[in-house]
């Protein structure tokens, strides 16, 4: 059954690319811990010859939040970490502009967008090449709304804090 489904992927991906206008796609299928299919289709950018292959890395954008939340939820379910784990207890260098928020913000707060951080906190620093820890350490300079009083789309913090929270190596290592 798996072989039959994988055998249809080339055609399905081609149809999807035609329907959506996507210039390129990378697809992998992992079954029983083994990569049984990995292939790239199309180009990285419209009008360029740079082909997509099985190793092409694409930006995840907002998908990183759901991937991170899934990884955290897995660990919550296994009893490894609770949603109400305070970030500062695990990462003592993680400071925000307000001492109360610094000491009390949790992993759950970050994923629920109720940390008080402004929208798109840290995104510009990442865009100009700052590393994840550098960006996280600079969040303390941003103005905060009160903890848990208002939802804000602080897109940078949840994934990056989660990356560090588990093993210091990153979410990619954890998910693999």
N, C-alpha and C. Protein backbone atom coordinates (compact mmCIF):
# COMPACT_ATOMS: atom_id res chain seq x y z
N UNK A 1 0.81 -1.18 0.00
CA UNK A 1 0.00 0.00 0.00
C UNK A 1 0.86 1.27 0.00
N UNK A 2 1.92 1.26 0.82
CA UNK A 2 2.83 2.42 0.88
C UNK A 2 3.48 2.61 -0.49
N UNK A 3 3.95 1.55 -1.09
CA UNK A 3 4.61 1.66 -2.39
C UNK A 3 3.67 2.24 -3.45
N UNK A 4 2.42 1.85 -3.40
CA UNK A 4 1.44 2.37 -4.36
C UNK A 4 1.24 3.87 -4.16
N UNK A 5 1.11 4.28 -2.91
CA UNK A 5 0.92 5.71 -2.61
C UNK A 5 2.15 6.52 -3.03
N UNK A 6 3.32 6.03 -2.70
CA UNK A 6 4.56 6.74 -3.07
C UNK A 6 4.70 6.80 -4.58
N UNK A 7 4.29 5.75 -5.28
CA UNK A 7 4.36 5.72 -6.73
C UNK A 7 3.51 6.78 -7.40
N UNK A 8 2.53 7.31 -6.69
CA UNK A 8 1.65 8.35 -7.24
C UNK A 8 2.13 9.76 -6.94
N UNK A 9 3.14 9.88 -6.11
CA UNK A 9 3.55 11.21 -5.66
C UNK A 9 4.03 12.13 -6.78
N UNK A 10 4.85 11.62 -7.69
CA UNK A 10 5.36 12.48 -8.77
C UNK A 10 4.21 13.16 -9.52
N UNK A 11 3.20 12.38 -9.86
CA UNK A 11 2.06 12.93 -10.59
C UNK A 11 1.25 13.91 -9.74
N UNK A 12 1.03 13.57 -8.48
CA UNK A 12 0.28 14.44 -7.59
C UNK A 12 0.99 15.77 -7.37
N UNK A 13 2.29 15.71 -7.19
CA UNK A 13 3.06 16.94 -6.98
C UNK A 13 3.02 17.80 -8.24
N UNK A 14 3.17 17.18 -9.40
CA UNK A 14 3.08 17.93 -10.66
C UNK A 14 1.74 18.62 -10.82
N UNK A 15 0.66 17.91 -10.51
CA UNK A 15 -0.68 18.51 -10.58
C UNK A 15 -0.82 19.68 -9.61
N UNK A 16 -0.34 19.49 -8.40
CA UNK A 16 -0.41 20.54 -7.39
C UNK A 16 0.37 21.79 -7.82
N UNK A 17 1.53 21.58 -8.37
CA UNK A 17 2.34 22.71 -8.83
C UNK A 17 1.63 23.45 -9.96
N UNK A 18 1.02 22.72 -10.87
CA UNK A 18 0.28 23.37 -11.96
C UNK A 18 -0.92 24.14 -11.45
N UNK A 19 -1.64 23.57 -10.50
CA UNK A 19 -2.84 24.21 -9.97
C UNK A 19 -2.53 25.47 -9.16
N UNK A 20 -1.43 25.46 -8.44
CA UNK A 20 -1.13 26.56 -7.52
C UNK A 20 -0.12 27.56 -8.06
N UNK A 21 0.65 27.17 -9.05
CA UNK A 21 1.70 28.05 -9.56
C UNK A 21 2.96 28.05 -8.73
N UNK A 22 3.08 27.10 -7.82
CA UNK A 22 4.31 27.00 -7.02
C UNK A 22 5.48 26.71 -7.95
N UNK A 23 6.57 27.45 -7.81
CA UNK A 23 7.72 27.19 -8.67
C UNK A 23 8.49 25.93 -8.29
N UNK A 24 8.45 25.55 -7.01
CA UNK A 24 9.21 24.39 -6.59
C UNK A 24 8.71 23.80 -5.29
N UNK A 25 8.95 22.49 -5.14
CA UNK A 25 8.49 21.74 -3.97
C UNK A 25 9.52 20.66 -3.67
N UNK A 26 9.73 20.40 -2.40
CA UNK A 26 10.53 19.25 -1.97
C UNK A 26 9.61 18.35 -1.15
N UNK A 27 9.67 17.05 -1.41
CA UNK A 27 8.79 16.10 -0.74
C UNK A 27 9.63 14.95 -0.19
N UNK A 28 9.31 14.55 1.03
CA UNK A 28 9.95 13.37 1.62
C UNK A 28 8.88 12.52 2.29
N UNK A 29 9.06 11.23 2.24
CA UNK A 29 8.19 10.29 2.94
C UNK A 29 9.07 9.44 3.84
N UNK A 30 8.72 9.43 5.11
CA UNK A 30 9.45 8.62 6.09
C UNK A 30 8.48 7.57 6.59
N UNK A 31 8.89 6.32 6.50
CA UNK A 31 8.06 5.20 6.94
C UNK A 31 8.90 4.28 7.82
N UNK A 32 8.40 3.99 8.99
CA UNK A 32 9.13 3.15 9.96
C UNK A 32 10.55 3.66 10.20
N UNK A 33 10.67 4.98 10.29
CA UNK A 33 11.97 5.57 10.60
C UNK A 33 12.95 5.65 9.45
N UNK A 34 12.54 5.25 8.27
CA UNK A 34 13.41 5.27 7.10
C UNK A 34 12.85 6.20 6.03
N UNK A 35 13.71 6.99 5.40
CA UNK A 35 13.29 7.82 4.29
C UNK A 35 13.15 6.92 3.08
N UNK A 36 11.92 6.78 2.59
CA UNK A 36 11.69 5.88 1.45
C UNK A 36 11.47 6.66 0.16
N UNK A 37 11.35 7.99 0.27
CA UNK A 37 11.15 8.82 -0.91
C UNK A 37 11.62 10.22 -0.56
N UNK A 38 12.46 10.79 -1.39
CA UNK A 38 12.90 12.18 -1.22
C UNK A 38 13.22 12.73 -2.59
N UNK A 39 12.52 13.80 -2.97
CA UNK A 39 12.70 14.32 -4.31
C UNK A 39 12.32 15.80 -4.36
N UNK A 40 13.00 16.53 -5.21
CA UNK A 40 12.69 17.92 -5.45
C UNK A 40 12.06 18.10 -6.82
N UNK A 41 11.23 19.12 -6.93
CA UNK A 41 10.53 19.41 -8.18
C UNK A 41 10.64 20.91 -8.46
N UNK A 42 10.85 21.28 -9.70
CA UNK A 42 10.81 22.68 -10.10
C UNK A 42 12.04 23.47 -9.70
N UNK A 43 11.83 24.78 -9.57
CA UNK A 43 12.93 25.69 -9.25
C UNK A 43 12.67 26.41 -7.94
N UNK A 44 13.75 26.95 -7.38
CA UNK A 44 13.65 27.66 -6.10
C UNK A 44 12.88 28.96 -6.24
N UNK A 45 13.08 29.64 -7.34
CA UNK A 45 12.40 30.91 -7.62
C UNK A 45 11.96 30.93 -9.06
N UNK A 46 10.82 31.56 -9.31
CA UNK A 46 10.33 31.69 -10.68
C UNK A 46 11.36 32.44 -11.50
N UNK A 47 11.66 31.91 -12.67
CA UNK A 47 12.57 32.58 -13.59
C UNK A 47 14.04 32.32 -13.33
N UNK A 48 14.36 31.43 -12.40
CA UNK A 48 15.76 31.11 -12.15
C UNK A 48 16.00 29.63 -12.47
N UNK A 49 17.24 29.29 -12.78
CA UNK A 49 17.54 27.89 -13.09
C UNK A 49 17.85 27.04 -11.86
N UNK A 50 17.85 27.63 -10.67
CA UNK A 50 18.22 26.90 -9.46
C UNK A 50 17.15 25.86 -9.12
N UNK A 51 17.49 24.60 -9.34
CA UNK A 51 16.54 23.51 -9.14
C UNK A 51 16.34 23.19 -7.67
N UNK A 52 15.14 22.77 -7.32
CA UNK A 52 14.84 22.24 -6.00
C UNK A 52 15.25 20.77 -6.00
N UNK A 53 15.96 20.35 -4.94
CA UNK A 53 16.27 18.93 -4.81
C UNK A 53 15.79 18.45 -3.44
N UNK A 54 16.05 17.21 -3.13
CA UNK A 54 15.58 16.64 -1.87
C UNK A 54 16.17 17.33 -0.65
N UNK A 55 17.28 18.03 -0.81
CA UNK A 55 17.95 18.69 0.31
C UNK A 55 17.71 20.19 0.37
N UNK A 56 16.85 20.72 -0.49
CA UNK A 56 16.55 22.15 -0.47
C UNK A 56 15.85 22.51 0.84
N UNK A 57 16.33 23.56 1.47
CA UNK A 57 15.75 24.03 2.72
C UNK A 57 14.86 25.23 2.42
N UNK A 58 13.62 25.15 2.85
CA UNK A 58 12.68 26.24 2.69
C UNK A 58 12.40 26.87 4.05
N UNK A 59 12.10 28.15 4.06
CA UNK A 59 11.69 28.80 5.30
C UNK A 59 10.32 28.26 5.70
N UNK A 60 10.15 28.05 6.99
CA UNK A 60 8.88 27.52 7.48
C UNK A 60 7.85 28.60 7.75
N UNK A 61 8.30 29.81 8.01
CA UNK A 61 7.41 30.91 8.36
C UNK A 61 6.55 30.50 9.56
N UNK A 62 5.27 30.73 9.50
CA UNK A 62 4.40 30.46 10.65
C UNK A 62 4.19 28.98 10.91
N UNK A 63 4.60 28.12 10.01
CA UNK A 63 4.48 26.69 10.25
C UNK A 63 5.34 26.26 11.43
N UNK A 64 6.40 27.01 11.72
CA UNK A 64 7.27 26.65 12.84
C UNK A 64 6.51 26.66 14.17
N UNK A 65 5.48 27.50 14.28
CA UNK A 65 4.70 27.53 15.52
C UNK A 65 3.96 26.22 15.73
N UNK A 66 3.33 25.70 14.67
CA UNK A 66 2.60 24.44 14.84
C UNK A 66 3.55 23.27 15.04
N UNK A 67 4.69 23.29 14.38
CA UNK A 67 5.68 22.23 14.57
C UNK A 67 6.21 22.28 16.00
N UNK A 68 6.54 23.48 16.46
CA UNK A 68 7.03 23.63 17.83
C UNK A 68 5.98 23.24 18.86
N UNK A 69 4.75 23.67 18.64
CA UNK A 69 3.67 23.34 19.57
C UNK A 69 3.42 21.84 19.61
N UNK A 70 3.52 21.19 18.46
CA UNK A 70 3.35 19.73 18.42
C UNK A 70 4.45 19.04 19.20
N UNK A 71 5.68 19.51 19.03
CA UNK A 71 6.80 18.92 19.76
C UNK A 71 6.63 19.12 21.27
N UNK A 72 6.24 20.33 21.66
CA UNK A 72 6.03 20.61 23.08
C UNK A 72 4.87 19.76 23.61
N UNK A 73 3.77 19.69 22.86
CA UNK A 73 2.62 18.91 23.30
C UNK A 73 2.98 17.44 23.49
N UNK A 74 3.87 16.94 22.64
CA UNK A 74 4.34 15.56 22.79
C UNK A 74 5.04 15.38 24.12
N UNK A 75 5.87 16.34 24.47
CA UNK A 75 6.60 16.27 25.73
C UNK A 75 5.69 16.51 26.94
N UNK A 76 4.68 17.37 26.78
CA UNK A 76 3.70 17.58 27.84
C UNK A 76 2.97 16.26 28.09
N UNK A 77 2.53 15.61 27.02
CA UNK A 77 1.82 14.34 27.14
C UNK A 77 2.67 13.25 27.77
N UNK A 78 3.98 13.30 27.54
CA UNK A 78 4.89 12.30 28.11
C UNK A 78 5.30 12.65 29.54
N UNK A 79 4.83 13.81 30.03
CA UNK A 79 5.18 14.19 31.39
C UNK A 79 6.56 14.80 31.55
N UNK A 80 7.21 15.15 30.44
CA UNK A 80 8.56 15.71 30.49
C UNK A 80 8.55 17.17 30.93
N UNK A 81 7.59 17.92 30.44
CA UNK A 81 7.50 19.35 30.76
C UNK A 81 6.03 19.75 30.78
N UNK A 82 5.63 20.57 31.73
CA UNK A 82 4.24 21.06 31.72
C UNK A 82 4.11 22.35 30.91
N UNK A 83 2.90 22.63 30.45
CA UNK A 83 2.67 23.88 29.72
C UNK A 83 3.01 25.08 30.60
N UNK A 84 2.86 24.92 31.91
CA UNK A 84 3.11 26.05 32.79
C UNK A 84 4.55 26.11 33.31
N UNK A 85 5.46 25.44 32.62
CA UNK A 85 6.88 25.54 32.96
C UNK A 85 7.35 26.97 32.72
N UNK A 86 7.96 27.56 33.71
CA UNK A 86 8.45 28.93 33.59
C UNK A 86 9.75 28.94 32.79
N UNK A 87 9.75 29.74 31.75
CA UNK A 87 10.90 29.79 30.83
C UNK A 87 12.17 30.18 31.56
N UNK A 88 12.11 31.17 32.44
CA UNK A 88 13.30 31.69 33.11
C UNK A 88 13.97 30.65 34.00
N UNK A 89 13.20 29.70 34.52
CA UNK A 89 13.80 28.65 35.36
C UNK A 89 14.74 27.76 34.55
N UNK A 90 14.40 27.56 33.30
CA UNK A 90 15.24 26.72 32.42
C UNK A 90 16.29 27.56 31.70
N UNK A 91 15.93 28.79 31.37
CA UNK A 91 16.84 29.69 30.65
C UNK A 91 17.03 30.96 31.48
N UNK A 92 17.91 30.95 32.47
CA UNK A 92 18.05 32.09 33.36
C UNK A 92 18.50 33.37 32.66
N UNK A 93 19.04 33.25 31.47
CA UNK A 93 19.47 34.44 30.71
C UNK A 93 18.32 35.06 29.93
N UNK A 94 17.16 34.42 29.91
CA UNK A 94 16.00 34.94 29.17
C UNK A 94 15.30 35.99 30.03
N UNK A 95 15.49 37.26 29.67
CA UNK A 95 14.90 38.37 30.40
C UNK A 95 14.02 39.20 29.49
N UNK A 96 12.94 39.70 30.05
CA UNK A 96 12.06 40.63 29.35
C UNK A 96 12.10 41.96 30.10
N UNK A 97 11.43 42.97 29.58
CA UNK A 97 11.52 44.32 30.14
C UNK A 97 10.94 44.42 31.55
N UNK A 98 10.08 43.51 31.92
CA UNK A 98 9.41 43.55 33.21
C UNK A 98 9.82 42.34 34.04
N UNK A 99 10.23 42.57 35.29
CA UNK A 99 10.72 41.48 36.14
C UNK A 99 9.64 40.43 36.41
N UNK A 100 8.41 40.86 36.65
CA UNK A 100 7.33 39.91 36.92
C UNK A 100 7.13 38.98 35.71
N UNK A 101 7.07 39.58 34.53
CA UNK A 101 6.88 38.78 33.32
C UNK A 101 8.06 37.85 33.10
N UNK A 102 9.26 38.36 33.27
CA UNK A 102 10.46 37.54 33.11
C UNK A 102 10.38 36.28 33.96
N UNK A 103 10.00 36.44 35.22
CA UNK A 103 10.00 35.32 36.15
C UNK A 103 8.79 34.40 36.00
N UNK A 104 7.72 34.87 35.35
CA UNK A 104 6.48 34.10 35.32
C UNK A 104 6.01 33.64 33.95
N UNK A 105 6.59 34.14 32.88
CA UNK A 105 6.13 33.73 31.55
C UNK A 105 6.43 32.24 31.34
N UNK A 106 5.46 31.53 30.78
CA UNK A 106 5.59 30.09 30.60
C UNK A 106 5.64 29.73 29.11
N UNK A 107 6.00 28.49 28.85
CA UNK A 107 5.94 27.98 27.48
C UNK A 107 4.53 28.14 26.94
N UNK A 108 3.53 27.82 27.74
CA UNK A 108 2.14 27.97 27.32
C UNK A 108 1.78 29.41 26.98
N UNK A 109 2.29 30.36 27.77
CA UNK A 109 2.05 31.78 27.48
C UNK A 109 2.61 32.15 26.11
N UNK A 110 3.79 31.67 25.81
CA UNK A 110 4.41 32.02 24.53
C UNK A 110 3.61 31.46 23.37
N UNK A 111 3.14 30.22 23.47
CA UNK A 111 2.36 29.64 22.38
C UNK A 111 0.96 30.21 22.28
N UNK A 112 0.42 30.72 23.39
CA UNK A 112 -0.91 31.33 23.37
C UNK A 112 -0.83 32.82 23.03
N UNK A 113 0.36 33.31 22.74
CA UNK A 113 0.58 34.72 22.38
C UNK A 113 0.11 35.67 23.47
N UNK A 114 0.33 35.30 24.71
CA UNK A 114 -0.09 36.16 25.82
C UNK A 114 1.08 36.54 26.72
N UNK A 115 2.28 36.60 26.13
CA UNK A 115 3.49 36.96 26.88
C UNK A 115 3.61 38.46 27.11
N UNK A 116 2.87 39.25 26.34
CA UNK A 116 2.98 40.70 26.42
C UNK A 116 3.96 41.28 25.41
N UNK A 117 4.70 40.43 24.71
CA UNK A 117 5.62 40.92 23.68
C UNK A 117 4.84 41.54 22.53
N UNK A 118 5.42 42.55 21.88
CA UNK A 118 4.72 43.17 20.75
C UNK A 118 4.69 42.24 19.53
N UNK A 119 3.80 42.55 18.61
CA UNK A 119 3.70 41.78 17.37
C UNK A 119 5.06 41.70 16.68
N UNK A 120 5.37 40.53 16.17
CA UNK A 120 6.58 40.28 15.39
C UNK A 120 7.87 40.59 16.15
N UNK A 121 7.84 40.38 17.46
CA UNK A 121 9.01 40.65 18.29
C UNK A 121 10.23 39.88 17.80
N UNK A 122 11.29 40.58 17.52
CA UNK A 122 12.55 39.96 17.13
C UNK A 122 12.70 39.63 15.67
N UNK A 123 11.63 39.74 14.89
CA UNK A 123 11.70 39.34 13.48
C UNK A 123 12.75 40.12 12.70
N UNK A 124 12.82 41.42 12.89
CA UNK A 124 13.77 42.24 12.12
C UNK A 124 15.21 41.88 12.44
N UNK A 125 15.49 41.59 13.70
CA UNK A 125 16.85 41.20 14.06
C UNK A 125 17.25 39.90 13.38
N UNK A 126 16.31 38.98 13.33
CA UNK A 126 16.56 37.71 12.64
C UNK A 126 16.80 37.98 11.15
N UNK A 127 16.00 38.87 10.57
CA UNK A 127 16.12 39.20 9.15
C UNK A 127 17.50 39.74 8.79
N UNK A 128 18.15 40.46 9.71
CA UNK A 128 19.46 41.04 9.40
C UNK A 128 20.61 40.17 9.89
N UNK A 129 20.29 38.96 10.34
CA UNK A 129 21.34 37.99 10.59
C UNK A 129 21.69 37.68 12.02
N UNK A 130 20.97 38.23 12.99
CA UNK A 130 21.25 37.88 14.38
C UNK A 130 20.85 36.43 14.64
N UNK A 131 21.61 35.73 15.46
CA UNK A 131 21.30 34.36 15.83
C UNK A 131 20.18 34.31 16.84
N UNK A 132 19.62 33.11 17.05
CA UNK A 132 18.46 32.98 17.92
C UNK A 132 18.71 33.44 19.34
N UNK A 133 19.83 33.09 19.91
CA UNK A 133 20.09 33.52 21.30
C UNK A 133 20.28 35.03 21.38
N UNK A 134 20.97 35.62 20.40
CA UNK A 134 21.14 37.07 20.38
C UNK A 134 19.79 37.77 20.34
N UNK A 135 18.90 37.28 19.51
CA UNK A 135 17.58 37.90 19.40
C UNK A 135 16.82 37.74 20.72
N UNK A 136 16.84 36.54 21.28
CA UNK A 136 16.15 36.31 22.55
C UNK A 136 16.68 37.22 23.66
N UNK A 137 17.99 37.43 23.69
CA UNK A 137 18.56 38.29 24.72
C UNK A 137 18.20 39.76 24.51
N UNK A 138 17.85 40.13 23.30
CA UNK A 138 17.47 41.52 23.03
C UNK A 138 15.97 41.77 23.21
N UNK A 139 15.19 40.73 23.44
CA UNK A 139 13.76 40.92 23.69
C UNK A 139 13.52 41.77 24.94
N UNK A 140 14.48 41.80 25.84
CA UNK A 140 14.33 42.58 27.08
C UNK A 140 14.24 44.08 26.83
N UNK A 141 14.65 44.51 25.64
CA UNK A 141 14.60 45.93 25.31
C UNK A 141 13.25 46.36 24.71
N UNK A 142 12.39 45.40 24.45
CA UNK A 142 11.09 45.72 23.84
C UNK A 142 10.05 46.05 24.90
N UNK A 143 9.15 46.97 24.58
CA UNK A 143 8.08 47.27 25.54
C UNK A 143 7.14 46.07 25.67
N UNK A 144 6.59 45.91 26.85
CA UNK A 144 5.68 44.79 27.12
C UNK A 144 4.30 45.28 27.52
N UNK A 145 3.31 44.52 27.12
CA UNK A 145 1.98 44.68 27.69
C UNK A 145 1.95 43.76 28.91
N UNK A 146 0.99 43.91 29.79
CA UNK A 146 0.93 43.03 30.96
C UNK A 146 0.77 41.55 30.56
N UNK A 147 1.44 40.71 31.30
CA UNK A 147 1.40 39.27 31.07
C UNK A 147 -0.03 38.75 31.14
N UNK A 148 -0.42 37.98 30.13
CA UNK A 148 -1.71 37.27 30.05
C UNK A 148 -2.93 38.18 29.96
N UNK A 149 -2.74 39.45 29.67
CA UNK A 149 -3.88 40.36 29.58
C UNK A 149 -4.33 40.64 28.16
N UNK A 150 -3.49 40.38 27.19
CA UNK A 150 -3.87 40.67 25.82
C UNK A 150 -3.10 39.73 24.89
N UNK A 151 -3.76 39.30 23.85
CA UNK A 151 -3.10 38.44 22.87
C UNK A 151 -2.35 39.32 21.88
N UNK A 152 -1.11 38.96 21.62
CA UNK A 152 -0.34 39.66 20.59
C UNK A 152 0.39 38.61 19.77
N UNK A 153 0.59 38.90 18.54
CA UNK A 153 1.21 37.93 17.64
C UNK A 153 2.73 38.08 17.68
N UNK A 154 3.30 37.67 18.80
CA UNK A 154 4.76 37.69 18.94
C UNK A 154 5.28 36.43 18.27
N UNK A 155 5.56 36.52 17.00
CA UNK A 155 5.84 35.33 16.20
C UNK A 155 7.19 34.71 16.46
N UNK A 156 8.15 35.47 16.89
CA UNK A 156 9.51 34.95 17.03
C UNK A 156 9.69 34.10 18.28
N UNK A 157 9.20 34.57 19.37
CA UNK A 157 9.51 33.99 20.67
C UNK A 157 9.13 32.52 20.86
N UNK A 158 7.93 32.08 20.52
CA UNK A 158 7.58 30.70 20.88
C UNK A 158 8.53 29.66 20.31
N UNK A 159 8.76 29.72 19.03
CA UNK A 159 9.63 28.72 18.42
C UNK A 159 11.05 28.80 18.92
N UNK A 160 11.59 30.00 19.05
CA UNK A 160 12.97 30.14 19.46
C UNK A 160 13.20 29.74 20.91
N UNK A 161 12.28 30.12 21.78
CA UNK A 161 12.43 29.71 23.17
C UNK A 161 12.31 28.20 23.28
N UNK A 162 11.38 27.63 22.54
CA UNK A 162 11.21 26.18 22.56
C UNK A 162 12.46 25.48 22.05
N UNK A 163 13.10 26.06 21.04
CA UNK A 163 14.34 25.49 20.52
C UNK A 163 15.35 25.31 21.65
N UNK A 164 15.51 26.34 22.43
CA UNK A 164 16.48 26.31 23.51
C UNK A 164 15.99 25.49 24.70
N UNK A 165 14.69 25.49 24.94
CA UNK A 165 14.14 24.92 26.16
C UNK A 165 14.48 23.45 26.33
N UNK A 166 14.44 22.69 25.26
CA UNK A 166 14.63 21.25 25.39
C UNK A 166 16.05 20.81 25.58
N UNK A 167 16.89 21.13 24.62
CA UNK A 167 18.22 20.56 24.69
C UNK A 167 19.32 21.55 24.33
N UNK A 168 18.96 22.79 24.08
CA UNK A 168 19.95 23.78 23.71
C UNK A 168 20.44 23.62 22.29
N UNK A 169 20.05 22.55 21.61
CA UNK A 169 20.49 22.32 20.24
C UNK A 169 19.47 22.79 19.22
N UNK A 170 18.22 22.87 19.60
CA UNK A 170 17.22 23.37 18.68
C UNK A 170 16.09 22.39 18.42
N UNK A 171 15.00 22.98 17.98
CA UNK A 171 13.80 22.21 17.70
C UNK A 171 14.04 21.19 16.58
N UNK A 172 14.83 21.57 15.58
CA UNK A 172 15.11 20.67 14.47
C UNK A 172 15.74 19.38 14.97
N UNK A 173 16.67 19.48 15.88
CA UNK A 173 17.31 18.30 16.47
C UNK A 173 16.30 17.49 17.25
N UNK A 174 15.47 18.17 18.03
CA UNK A 174 14.47 17.49 18.84
C UNK A 174 13.47 16.75 17.96
N UNK A 175 12.96 17.41 16.93
CA UNK A 175 11.94 16.82 16.07
C UNK A 175 12.49 15.61 15.33
N UNK A 176 13.74 15.67 14.88
CA UNK A 176 14.35 14.53 14.19
C UNK A 176 14.37 13.33 15.10
